[in-house]
């Protein structure tokens, strides 16, 4: 029950912050790092994670207004990836279930393919 509440709250907060500024490199970095870190925990292949990571880093570069904003977002992406894959690996009660993570990761890959971001 707590996990469901946590997931719902997170989604609502992300939707609300996204409405304020659609192309926020920090938000993109945090959500991308969180998803990819958890995908790593859920045994998604490294090749797929690297490919998605490159697309996210390119998107961060595109929406950043200057080099310092890009660098800060890249650092946030790396921190979110590291934190979510490390904390989740410790069987944290707040770790999202792998089924949900893999579903969202596949959705991201499908979106990237449809948008022409990947080969």
C-alpha atoms as a PDB file:
ATOM      1  CA  UNK A   1       0.000   0.000   0.000  1.00  0.00           C
ATOM      2  CA  UNK A   2       2.834   2.410   0.857  1.00  0.00           C
ATOM      3  CA  UNK A   3       4.577   1.665  -2.421  1.00  0.00           C
ATOM      4  CA  UNK A   4       1.431   2.449  -4.385  1.00  0.00           C
ATOM      5  CA  UNK A   5       1.036   5.720  -2.496  1.00  0.00           C
ATOM      6  CA  UNK A   6       4.694   6.584  -3.112  1.00  0.00           C
ATOM      7  CA  UNK A   7       4.415   5.875  -6.833  1.00  0.00           C
ATOM      8  CA  UNK A   8       1.212   7.913  -7.170  1.00  0.00           C
ATOM      9  CA  UNK A   9       2.685  10.837  -5.242  1.00  0.00           C
ATOM     10  CA  UNK A  10       5.858  10.778  -7.347  1.00  0.00           C
ATOM     11  CA  UNK A  11       3.900  10.752 -10.598  1.00  0.00           C
ATOM     12  CA  UNK A  12       1.692  13.636  -9.468  1.00  0.00           C
ATOM     13  CA  UNK A  13       4.704  15.690  -8.397  1.00  0.00           C
ATOM     14  CA  UNK A  14       6.512  15.024 -11.661  1.00  0.00           C
ATOM     15  CA  UNK A  15       3.456  15.985 -13.675  1.00  0.00           C
ATOM     16  CA  UNK A  16       3.004  19.192 -11.690  1.00  0.00           C
ATOM     17  CA  UNK A  17       6.641  20.259 -12.010  1.00  0.00           C
ATOM     18  CA  UNK A  18       6.610  19.392 -15.713  1.00  0.00           C
ATOM     19  CA  UNK A  19       3.704  21.747 -16.256  1.00  0.00           C
ATOM     20  CA  UNK A  20       5.727  24.673 -14.950  1.00  0.00           C
ATOM     21  CA  UNK A  21       8.600  24.234 -17.398  1.00  0.00           C
ATOM     22  CA  UNK A  22       8.332  21.592 -20.093  1.00  0.00           C
ATOM     23  CA  UNK A  23      12.026  21.450 -21.035  1.00  0.00           C
ATOM     24  CA  UNK A  24      13.735  21.457 -17.650  1.00  0.00           C
ATOM     25  CA  UNK A  25      17.158  19.798 -17.941  1.00  0.00           C
ATOM     26  CA  UNK A  26      17.323  19.058 -14.192  1.00  0.00           C
ATOM     27  CA  UNK A  27      13.956  17.295 -14.205  1.00  0.00           C
ATOM     28  CA  UNK A  28      14.956  15.348 -17.300  1.00  0.00           C
ATOM     29  CA  UNK A  29      18.247  14.390 -15.640  1.00  0.00           C
ATOM     30  CA  UNK A  30      16.630  13.276 -12.388  1.00  0.00           C
ATOM     31  CA  UNK A  31      13.841  11.220 -13.933  1.00  0.00           C
ATOM     32  CA  UNK A  32      16.143   9.718 -16.563  1.00  0.00           C
ATOM     33  CA  UNK A  33      18.775   8.813 -13.991  1.00  0.00           C
ATOM     34  CA  UNK A  34      16.146   7.322 -11.685  1.00  0.00           C
ATOM     35  CA  UNK A  35      14.669   5.166 -14.456  1.00  0.00           C
ATOM     36  CA  UNK A  36      18.009   4.012 -15.834  1.00  0.00           C
ATOM     37  CA  UNK A  37      19.454   3.301 -12.377  1.00  0.00           C
ATOM     38  CA  UNK A  38      16.487   1.149 -11.522  1.00  0.00           C
ATOM     39  CA  UNK A  39      16.646  -0.530 -14.942  1.00  0.00           C
ATOM     40  CA  UNK A  40      20.230  -1.474 -14.093  1.00  0.00           C
ATOM     41  CA  UNK A  41      19.024  -2.927 -10.789  1.00  0.00           C
ATOM     42  CA  UNK A  42      16.365  -4.886 -12.666  1.00  0.00           C
ATOM     43  CA  UNK A  43      18.944  -6.505 -14.984  1.00  0.00           C
ATOM     44  CA  UNK A  44      18.125  -4.613 -18.166  1.00  0.00           C
ATOM     45  CA  UNK A  45      21.127  -5.149 -20.441  1.00  0.00           C
ATOM     46  CA  UNK A  46      23.953  -2.641 -20.185  1.00  0.00           C
ATOM     47  CA  UNK A  47      23.803  -2.047 -23.952  1.00  0.00           C
ATOM     48  CA  UNK A  48      20.175  -0.901 -23.745  1.00  0.00           C
ATOM     49  CA  UNK A  49      20.860   1.303 -20.722  1.00  0.00           C
ATOM     50  CA  UNK A  50      23.874   2.920 -22.392  1.00  0.00           C
ATOM     51  CA  UNK A  51      21.880   3.596 -25.567  1.00  0.00           C
ATOM     52  CA  UNK A  52      19.030   5.198 -23.590  1.00  0.00           C
ATOM     53  CA  UNK A  53      21.527   7.149 -21.486  1.00  0.00           C
ATOM     54  CA  UNK A  54      23.139   8.652 -24.573  1.00  0.00           C
ATOM     55  CA  UNK A  55      19.756   9.810 -25.830  1.00  0.00           C
ATOM     56  CA  UNK A  56      18.911  11.376 -22.464  1.00  0.00           C
ATOM     57  CA  UNK A  57      22.296  13.136 -22.246  1.00  0.00           C
ATOM     58  CA  UNK A  58      21.786  14.474 -25.792  1.00  0.00           C
ATOM     59  CA  UNK A  59      18.325  15.701 -24.834  1.00  0.00           C
ATOM     60  CA  UNK A  60      19.760  17.411 -21.745  1.00  0.00           C
ATOM     61  CA  UNK A  61      22.302  19.178 -23.961  1.00  0.00           C
ATOM     62  CA  UNK A  62      19.540  20.296 -26.311  1.00  0.00           C
ATOM     63  CA  UNK A  63      17.286  21.809 -23.645  1.00  0.00           C
ATOM     64  CA  UNK A  64      20.057  23.383 -21.544  1.00  0.00           C
ATOM     65  CA  UNK A  65      20.449  27.126 -21.924  1.00  0.00           C
ATOM     66  CA  UNK A  66      24.212  27.147 -21.400  1.00  0.00           C
ATOM     67  CA  UNK A  67      27.199  24.930 -20.606  1.00  0.00           C
ATOM     68  CA  UNK A  68      26.943  25.363 -16.839  1.00  0.00           C
ATOM     69  CA  UNK A  69      23.293  24.278 -16.822  1.00  0.00           C
ATOM     70  CA  UNK A  70      24.205  21.270 -18.988  1.00  0.00           C
ATOM     71  CA  UNK A  71      27.081  20.312 -16.698  1.00  0.00           C
ATOM     72  CA  UNK A  72      24.890  20.595 -13.611  1.00  0.00           C
ATOM     73  CA  UNK A  73      22.166  18.475 -15.225  1.00  0.00           C
ATOM     74  CA  UNK A  74      24.706  15.868 -16.365  1.00  0.00           C
ATOM     75  CA  UNK A  75      25.995  15.641 -12.793  1.00  0.00           C
ATOM     76  CA  UNK A  76      22.436  15.311 -11.487  1.00  0.00           C
ATOM     77  CA  UNK A  77      21.790  12.534 -14.037  1.00  0.00           C
ATOM     78  CA  UNK A  78      24.858  10.624 -12.854  1.00  0.00           C
ATOM     79  CA  UNK A  79      23.927  11.120  -9.181  1.00  0.00           C
ATOM     80  CA  UNK A  80      20.335   9.949  -9.736  1.00  0.00           C
ATOM     81  CA  UNK A  81      21.531   6.902 -11.670  1.00  0.00           C
ATOM     82  CA  UNK A  82      24.072   5.966  -9.031  1.00  0.00           C
ATOM     83  CA  UNK A  83      21.762   6.578  -6.105  1.00  0.00           C
ATOM     84  CA  UNK A  84      18.781   4.708  -7.533  1.00  0.00           C
ATOM     85  CA  UNK A  85      20.819   1.689  -8.606  1.00  0.00           C
ATOM     86  CA  UNK A  86      22.776   1.553  -5.324  1.00  0.00           C
ATOM     87  CA  UNK A  87      19.961   2.160  -2.837  1.00  0.00           C
ATOM     88  CA  UNK A  88      17.562  -0.052  -4.719  1.00  0.00           C
ATOM     89  CA  UNK A  89      20.106  -2.874  -4.755  1.00  0.00           C
ATOM     90  CA  UNK A  90      19.969  -2.923  -0.967  1.00  0.00           C
ATOM     91  CA  UNK A  91      16.332  -4.120  -1.058  1.00  0.00           C
ATOM     92  CA  UNK A  92      15.028  -0.731  -0.040  1.00  0.00           C
ATOM     93  CA  UNK A  93      11.324  -0.753   0.808  1.00  0.00           C
ATOM     94  CA  UNK A  94      10.825   2.242  -1.486  1.00  0.00           C
ATOM     95  CA  UNK A  95      12.332   0.599  -4.563  1.00  0.00           C
ATOM     96  CA  UNK A  96       9.802   0.348  -7.363  1.00  0.00           C
ATOM     97  CA  UNK A  97       9.040  -3.184  -8.577  1.00  0.00           C
ATOM     98  CA  UNK A  98      11.091  -4.378 -11.528  1.00  0.00           C
ATOM     99  CA  UNK A  99       7.997  -5.142 -13.584  1.00  0.00           C
ATOM    100  CA  UNK A 100       6.994  -1.468 -13.490  1.00  0.00           C
ATOM    101  CA  UNK A 101      10.543  -0.279 -14.203  1.00  0.00           C
ATOM    102  CA  UNK A 102      11.011  -2.580 -17.202  1.00  0.00           C
ATOM    103  CA  UNK A 103       7.616  -1.531 -18.592  1.00  0.00           C
ATOM    104  CA  UNK A 104       8.550   2.160 -18.325  1.00  0.00           C
ATOM    105  CA  UNK A 105      12.011   1.512 -19.778  1.00  0.00           C
ATOM    106  CA  UNK A 106      10.494  -0.278 -22.779  1.00  0.00           C
ATOM    107  CA  UNK A 107       8.068   2.611 -23.189  1.00  0.00           C
ATOM    108  CA  UNK A 108      11.017   5.029 -23.234  1.00  0.00           C
ATOM    109  CA  UNK A 109      12.815   2.915 -25.844  1.00  0.00           C
ATOM    110  CA  UNK A 110       9.681   2.778 -28.000  1.00  0.00           C
ATOM    111  CA  UNK A 111       9.319   6.559 -27.758  1.00  0.00           C
ATOM    112  CA  UNK A 112      12.970   7.032 -28.723  1.00  0.00           C
ATOM    113  CA  UNK A 113      12.550   4.769 -31.762  1.00  0.00           C
ATOM    114  CA  UNK A 114       9.356   6.520 -32.878  1.00  0.00           C
ATOM    115  CA  UNK A 115      10.994   9.922 -32.460  1.00  0.00           C
ATOM    116  CA  UNK A 116      14.022   8.804 -34.467  1.00  0.00           C
ATOM    117  CA  UNK A 117      16.509   9.100 -31.601  1.00  0.00           C
ATOM    118  CA  UNK A 118      17.922   5.586 -32.018  1.00  0.00           C
ATOM    119  CA  UNK A 119      19.048   3.380 -34.862  1.00  0.00           C
END
